[in-house]
Amino acid sequence: QVQPVESGGGLVQAGGSLRLSCVFSESIFRRFGMVWYRQVPGAQREVVASFTSGGTASYADYVKGRFTISGDNAKSTVYLQMNNLSPEDTAVYYCCVGDGWGQGTQVTVSP
């Protein structure tokens, strides 16, 4: 299992935007698709959005209209564009492909 690798987190003010990237094994992604999760300390990991190898995206209600997934097959990369961020979006964001997890990338949104 090759672990996916996330990047793109950082500190942003409320209302701002960030784009996360997840680089993964193409063969595993083709079989399982991928899921973005997030987790805050003391809470369970929650699903943010998912993306199939066929290009179908789905989103948690709390990010619909603000977050968008897109893929670049040539780069074996999926992006999570996050707009209109709020402090409630502060969390560590993880990319999961198959049963492989990335190390996470911290997103911090200041008021």
N, C-alpha and C. Protein backbone atom coordinates (compact mmCIF):
# COMPACT_ATOMS: atom_id res chain seq x y z
N GLN A 1 0.85 -1.19 0.00
CA GLN A 1 0.00 0.00 0.00
C GLN A 1 0.89 1.24 0.00
N VAL A 2 0.74 2.05 -1.02
CA VAL A 2 1.47 3.31 -1.07
C VAL A 2 0.61 4.37 -0.43
N GLN A 3 1.16 5.07 0.54
CA GLN A 3 0.37 6.06 1.26
C GLN A 3 0.18 7.32 0.43
N PRO A 4 -1.02 7.89 0.46
CA PRO A 4 -1.21 9.18 -0.21
C PRO A 4 -0.50 10.29 0.57
N VAL A 5 -0.27 11.40 -0.10
CA VAL A 5 0.44 12.53 0.51
C VAL A 5 -0.37 13.79 0.29
N GLU A 6 -0.74 14.44 1.41
CA GLU A 6 -1.48 15.69 1.32
C GLU A 6 -0.54 16.88 1.41
N SER A 7 -1.00 17.99 0.87
CA SER A 7 -0.28 19.26 1.03
C SER A 7 -1.28 20.39 0.81
N GLY A 8 -0.85 21.60 1.13
CA GLY A 8 -1.66 22.77 0.83
C GLY A 8 -2.34 23.42 2.03
N GLY A 9 -2.20 22.81 3.20
CA GLY A 9 -2.80 23.44 4.37
C GLY A 9 -2.08 24.72 4.76
N GLY A 10 -2.66 25.43 5.71
CA GLY A 10 -2.03 26.65 6.17
C GLY A 10 -2.98 27.48 7.01
N LEU A 11 -2.61 28.72 7.21
CA LEU A 11 -3.40 29.66 8.00
C LEU A 11 -4.05 30.66 7.06
N VAL A 12 -5.33 30.86 7.24
CA VAL A 12 -6.07 31.78 6.39
C VAL A 12 -7.12 32.49 7.23
N GLN A 13 -7.48 33.68 6.84
CA GLN A 13 -8.55 34.40 7.55
C GLN A 13 -9.91 33.90 7.10
N ALA A 14 -10.89 34.08 7.95
CA ALA A 14 -12.26 33.71 7.62
C ALA A 14 -12.67 34.38 6.32
N GLY A 15 -13.34 33.59 5.48
CA GLY A 15 -13.72 34.09 4.16
C GLY A 15 -12.71 33.79 3.08
N GLY A 16 -11.53 33.35 3.49
CA GLY A 16 -10.47 33.07 2.54
C GLY A 16 -10.57 31.69 1.92
N SER A 17 -9.55 31.35 1.14
CA SER A 17 -9.55 30.09 0.41
C SER A 17 -8.22 29.36 0.56
N LEU A 18 -8.29 28.06 0.44
CA LEU A 18 -7.10 27.21 0.37
C LEU A 18 -7.39 26.09 -0.62
N ARG A 19 -6.33 25.54 -1.20
CA ARG A 19 -6.48 24.37 -2.05
C ARG A 19 -5.55 23.28 -1.53
N LEU A 20 -6.17 22.18 -1.14
CA LEU A 20 -5.42 21.01 -0.69
C LEU A 20 -5.17 20.09 -1.88
N SER A 21 -4.05 19.39 -1.81
CA SER A 21 -3.72 18.41 -2.83
C SER A 21 -3.50 17.05 -2.19
N CYS A 22 -3.84 16.02 -2.91
CA CYS A 22 -3.58 14.64 -2.45
C CYS A 22 -2.98 13.89 -3.63
N VAL A 23 -1.75 13.44 -3.46
CA VAL A 23 -1.07 12.63 -4.47
C VAL A 23 -1.14 11.19 -4.03
N PHE A 24 -1.49 10.29 -4.94
CA PHE A 24 -1.79 8.92 -4.54
C PHE A 24 -1.35 7.94 -5.61
N SER A 25 -1.49 6.66 -5.26
CA SER A 25 -1.25 5.59 -6.22
C SER A 25 -2.42 5.51 -7.19
N GLU A 26 -2.13 5.66 -8.46
CA GLU A 26 -3.21 5.69 -9.46
C GLU A 26 -3.98 4.36 -9.48
N SER A 27 -3.27 3.25 -9.33
CA SER A 27 -3.93 1.94 -9.43
C SER A 27 -4.91 1.74 -8.26
N ILE A 28 -4.54 2.19 -7.09
CA ILE A 28 -5.42 2.05 -5.93
C ILE A 28 -6.60 2.99 -6.08
N PHE A 29 -6.34 4.21 -6.52
CA PHE A 29 -7.42 5.17 -6.72
C PHE A 29 -8.44 4.65 -7.74
N ARG A 30 -7.95 4.00 -8.77
CA ARG A 30 -8.86 3.49 -9.80
C ARG A 30 -9.81 2.45 -9.22
N ARG A 31 -9.35 1.71 -8.23
CA ARG A 31 -10.19 0.68 -7.62
C ARG A 31 -11.13 1.24 -6.58
N PHE A 32 -10.66 2.21 -5.79
CA PHE A 32 -11.40 2.61 -4.60
C PHE A 32 -11.88 4.05 -4.58
N GLY A 33 -11.33 4.89 -5.47
CA GLY A 33 -11.61 6.30 -5.32
C GLY A 33 -10.90 6.86 -4.11
N MET A 34 -11.30 8.06 -3.67
CA MET A 34 -10.66 8.64 -2.51
C MET A 34 -11.65 9.44 -1.69
N VAL A 35 -11.28 9.67 -0.44
CA VAL A 35 -12.12 10.43 0.49
C VAL A 35 -11.26 11.44 1.23
N TRP A 36 -11.77 12.64 1.36
CA TRP A 36 -11.17 13.65 2.24
C TRP A 36 -11.90 13.58 3.59
N TYR A 37 -11.12 13.53 4.65
CA TYR A 37 -11.65 13.58 6.01
C TYR A 37 -11.03 14.78 6.71
N ARG A 38 -11.62 15.13 7.85
CA ARG A 38 -10.99 16.11 8.71
C ARG A 38 -11.23 15.74 10.17
N GLN A 39 -10.36 16.23 11.00
CA GLN A 39 -10.46 15.89 12.42
C GLN A 39 -9.94 17.04 13.26
N VAL A 40 -10.70 17.35 14.31
CA VAL A 40 -10.24 18.32 15.30
C VAL A 40 -9.91 17.55 16.57
N PRO A 41 -9.03 18.08 17.39
CA PRO A 41 -8.65 17.37 18.62
C PRO A 41 -9.86 17.04 19.47
N GLY A 42 -9.91 15.80 19.93
CA GLY A 42 -11.00 15.38 20.80
C GLY A 42 -12.26 14.97 20.08
N ALA A 43 -12.26 15.06 18.77
CA ALA A 43 -13.46 14.69 18.02
C ALA A 43 -13.14 13.57 17.05
N GLN A 44 -14.19 12.93 16.57
CA GLN A 44 -14.00 11.86 15.59
C GLN A 44 -13.68 12.46 14.22
N ARG A 45 -12.99 11.64 13.45
CA ARG A 45 -12.72 12.03 12.08
C ARG A 45 -14.03 12.05 11.30
N GLU A 46 -14.24 13.06 10.48
CA GLU A 46 -15.49 13.14 9.73
C GLU A 46 -15.20 13.30 8.24
N VAL A 47 -16.15 12.79 7.45
CA VAL A 47 -16.01 12.85 6.00
C VAL A 47 -16.31 14.27 5.53
N VAL A 48 -15.44 14.76 4.66
CA VAL A 48 -15.64 16.07 4.05
C VAL A 48 -16.21 15.92 2.65
N ALA A 49 -15.57 15.06 1.87
CA ALA A 49 -15.99 14.88 0.48
C ALA A 49 -15.35 13.61 -0.05
N SER A 50 -15.93 13.08 -1.12
CA SER A 50 -15.36 11.90 -1.76
C SER A 50 -15.34 12.09 -3.27
N PHE A 51 -14.50 11.28 -3.90
CA PHE A 51 -14.30 11.42 -5.35
C PHE A 51 -14.02 10.06 -5.92
N THR A 52 -14.84 9.64 -6.89
CA THR A 52 -14.63 8.33 -7.51
C THR A 52 -13.66 8.45 -8.67
N SER A 53 -13.16 7.29 -9.10
CA SER A 53 -12.24 7.29 -10.24
C SER A 53 -12.96 7.71 -11.51
N GLY A 54 -14.27 7.61 -11.51
CA GLY A 54 -15.04 8.07 -12.66
C GLY A 54 -15.31 9.56 -12.64
N GLY A 55 -14.87 10.23 -11.58
CA GLY A 55 -15.00 11.68 -11.53
C GLY A 55 -16.24 12.19 -10.82
N THR A 56 -16.93 11.31 -10.10
CA THR A 56 -18.12 11.74 -9.36
C THR A 56 -17.73 12.20 -7.97
N ALA A 57 -18.15 13.40 -7.63
CA ALA A 57 -17.84 13.97 -6.32
C ALA A 57 -19.10 14.03 -5.46
N SER A 58 -18.92 13.86 -4.17
CA SER A 58 -20.01 14.08 -3.23
C SER A 58 -19.44 14.81 -2.02
N TYR A 59 -20.30 15.55 -1.34
CA TYR A 59 -19.85 16.46 -0.29
C TYR A 59 -20.72 16.34 0.95
N ALA A 60 -20.08 16.55 2.09
CA ALA A 60 -20.84 16.68 3.33
C ALA A 60 -21.67 17.96 3.25
N ASP A 61 -22.82 17.95 3.90
CA ASP A 61 -23.72 19.11 3.82
C ASP A 61 -23.03 20.40 4.25
N TYR A 62 -22.15 20.29 5.24
CA TYR A 62 -21.57 21.51 5.79
C TYR A 62 -20.51 22.14 4.89
N VAL A 63 -20.15 21.48 3.78
CA VAL A 63 -19.20 22.10 2.85
C VAL A 63 -19.78 22.32 1.46
N LYS A 64 -21.00 21.84 1.25
CA LYS A 64 -21.61 22.00 -0.07
C LYS A 64 -21.69 23.48 -0.45
N GLY A 65 -21.33 23.76 -1.67
CA GLY A 65 -21.34 25.13 -2.15
C GLY A 65 -20.08 25.90 -1.83
N ARG A 66 -19.22 25.35 -0.96
CA ARG A 66 -17.98 26.04 -0.59
C ARG A 66 -16.74 25.25 -1.03
N PHE A 67 -16.81 23.94 -0.97
CA PHE A 67 -15.66 23.09 -1.31
C PHE A 67 -15.93 22.39 -2.65
N THR A 68 -14.88 22.22 -3.42
CA THR A 68 -14.99 21.55 -4.70
C THR A 68 -13.81 20.61 -4.91
N ILE A 69 -14.12 19.39 -5.32
CA ILE A 69 -13.09 18.40 -5.63
C ILE A 69 -12.85 18.39 -7.13
N SER A 70 -11.59 18.25 -7.50
CA SER A 70 -11.27 18.03 -8.91
C SER A 70 -10.06 17.11 -8.97
N GLY A 71 -9.88 16.48 -10.14
CA GLY A 71 -8.79 15.53 -10.27
C GLY A 71 -7.92 15.83 -11.47
N ASP A 72 -6.66 15.45 -11.37
CA ASP A 72 -5.73 15.54 -12.49
C ASP A 72 -5.09 14.17 -12.64
N ASN A 73 -5.63 13.37 -13.55
CA ASN A 73 -5.15 12.00 -13.71
C ASN A 73 -3.68 11.96 -14.09
N ALA A 74 -3.24 12.90 -14.90
CA ALA A 74 -1.84 12.90 -15.35
C ALA A 74 -0.89 13.05 -14.17
N LYS A 75 -1.34 13.70 -13.11
CA LYS A 75 -0.50 13.92 -11.94
C LYS A 75 -0.88 13.02 -10.78
N SER A 76 -1.85 12.12 -10.99
CA SER A 76 -2.33 11.26 -9.90
C SER A 76 -2.63 12.10 -8.66
N THR A 77 -3.35 13.15 -8.88
CA THR A 77 -3.62 14.12 -7.81
C THR A 77 -5.08 14.49 -7.80
N VAL A 78 -5.61 14.62 -6.61
CA VAL A 78 -6.95 15.17 -6.42
C VAL A 78 -6.82 16.42 -5.57
N TYR A 79 -7.58 17.43 -5.94
CA TYR A 79 -7.53 18.71 -5.24
C TYR A 79 -8.84 18.93 -4.48
N LEU A 80 -8.73 19.62 -3.38
CA LEU A 80 -9.90 20.07 -2.64
C LEU A 80 -9.81 21.58 -2.53
N GLN A 81 -10.60 22.26 -3.35
CA GLN A 81 -10.64 23.72 -3.30
C GLN A 81 -11.63 24.13 -2.23
N MET A 82 -11.15 24.90 -1.26
CA MET A 82 -11.99 25.28 -0.13
C MET A 82 -12.13 26.80 -0.13
N ASN A 83 -13.36 27.24 -0.34
CA ASN A 83 -13.65 28.68 -0.39
C ASN A 83 -14.52 29.09 0.78
N ASN A 84 -14.54 30.38 1.03
CA ASN A 84 -15.37 30.94 2.10
C ASN A 84 -15.18 30.17 3.41
N LEU A 85 -13.93 30.00 3.77
CA LEU A 85 -13.61 29.23 4.97
C LEU A 85 -14.04 29.96 6.23
N SER A 86 -14.41 29.19 7.23
CA SER A 86 -14.79 29.73 8.53
C SER A 86 -13.94 29.07 9.61
N PRO A 87 -13.87 29.68 10.79
CA PRO A 87 -13.08 29.06 11.87
C PRO A 87 -13.52 27.62 12.17
N GLU A 88 -14.77 27.30 11.90
CA GLU A 88 -15.26 25.94 12.14
C GLU A 88 -14.63 24.92 11.20
N ASP A 89 -13.99 25.39 10.15
CA ASP A 89 -13.31 24.48 9.23
C ASP A 89 -11.89 24.14 9.69
N THR A 90 -11.46 24.76 10.77
CA THR A 90 -10.13 24.46 11.30
C THR A 90 -10.05 23.01 11.73
N ALA A 91 -9.08 22.30 11.18
CA ALA A 91 -8.92 20.87 11.45
C ALA A 91 -7.67 20.37 10.73
N VAL A 92 -7.33 19.14 11.01
CA VAL A 92 -6.34 18.44 10.19
C VAL A 92 -7.12 17.69 9.11
N TYR A 93 -6.73 17.89 7.88
CA TYR A 93 -7.41 17.28 6.75
C TYR A 93 -6.58 16.11 6.25
N TYR A 94 -7.27 14.99 6.05
CA TYR A 94 -6.61 13.76 5.63
C TYR A 94 -7.18 13.27 4.30
N CYS A 95 -6.31 12.68 3.54
CA CYS A 95 -6.68 12.05 2.29
C CYS A 95 -6.60 10.54 2.50
N CYS A 96 -7.63 9.83 2.08
CA CYS A 96 -7.67 8.38 2.22
C CYS A 96 -7.95 7.76 0.85
N VAL A 97 -7.08 6.88 0.43
CA VAL A 97 -7.24 6.17 -0.83
C VAL A 97 -7.11 4.68 -0.54
N GLY A 98 -8.19 3.91 -0.78
CA GLY A 98 -8.20 2.52 -0.35
C GLY A 98 -8.14 2.48 1.17
N ASP A 99 -7.19 1.74 1.72
CA ASP A 99 -7.02 1.78 3.18
C ASP A 99 -5.75 2.53 3.57
N GLY A 100 -5.26 3.33 2.65
CA GLY A 100 -4.07 4.12 2.93
C GLY A 100 -4.41 5.55 3.32
N TRP A 101 -3.79 6.03 4.38
CA TRP A 101 -4.04 7.36 4.90
C TRP A 101 -2.79 8.22 4.74
N GLY A 102 -3.02 9.48 4.39
CA GLY A 102 -1.92 10.44 4.40
C GLY A 102 -1.61 10.88 5.81
N GLN A 103 -0.61 11.72 5.93
CA GLN A 103 -0.17 12.19 7.24
C GLN A 103 -1.02 13.34 7.75
N GLY A 104 -1.81 13.91 6.88
CA GLY A 104 -2.67 15.03 7.26
C GLY A 104 -2.00 16.37 7.00
N THR A 105 -2.83 17.36 6.77
CA THR A 105 -2.34 18.72 6.59
C THR A 105 -3.23 19.66 7.40
N GLN A 106 -2.60 20.54 8.16
CA GLN A 106 -3.35 21.40 9.08
C GLN A 106 -3.94 22.59 8.34
N VAL A 107 -5.22 22.81 8.56
CA VAL A 107 -5.91 24.00 8.07
C VAL A 107 -6.37 24.79 9.28
N THR A 108 -5.96 26.04 9.35
CA THR A 108 -6.36 26.90 10.45
C THR A 108 -6.99 28.16 9.88
N VAL A 109 -8.21 28.44 10.33
CA VAL A 109 -8.94 29.61 9.86
C VAL A 109 -9.13 30.56 11.03
N SER A 110 -8.59 31.74 10.90
CA SER A 110 -8.71 32.73 11.97
C SER A 110 -9.96 33.58 11.76
N PRO A 111 -10.54 34.07 12.87
CA PRO A 111 -11.78 34.88 12.75
C PRO A 111 -11.54 36.16 11.96
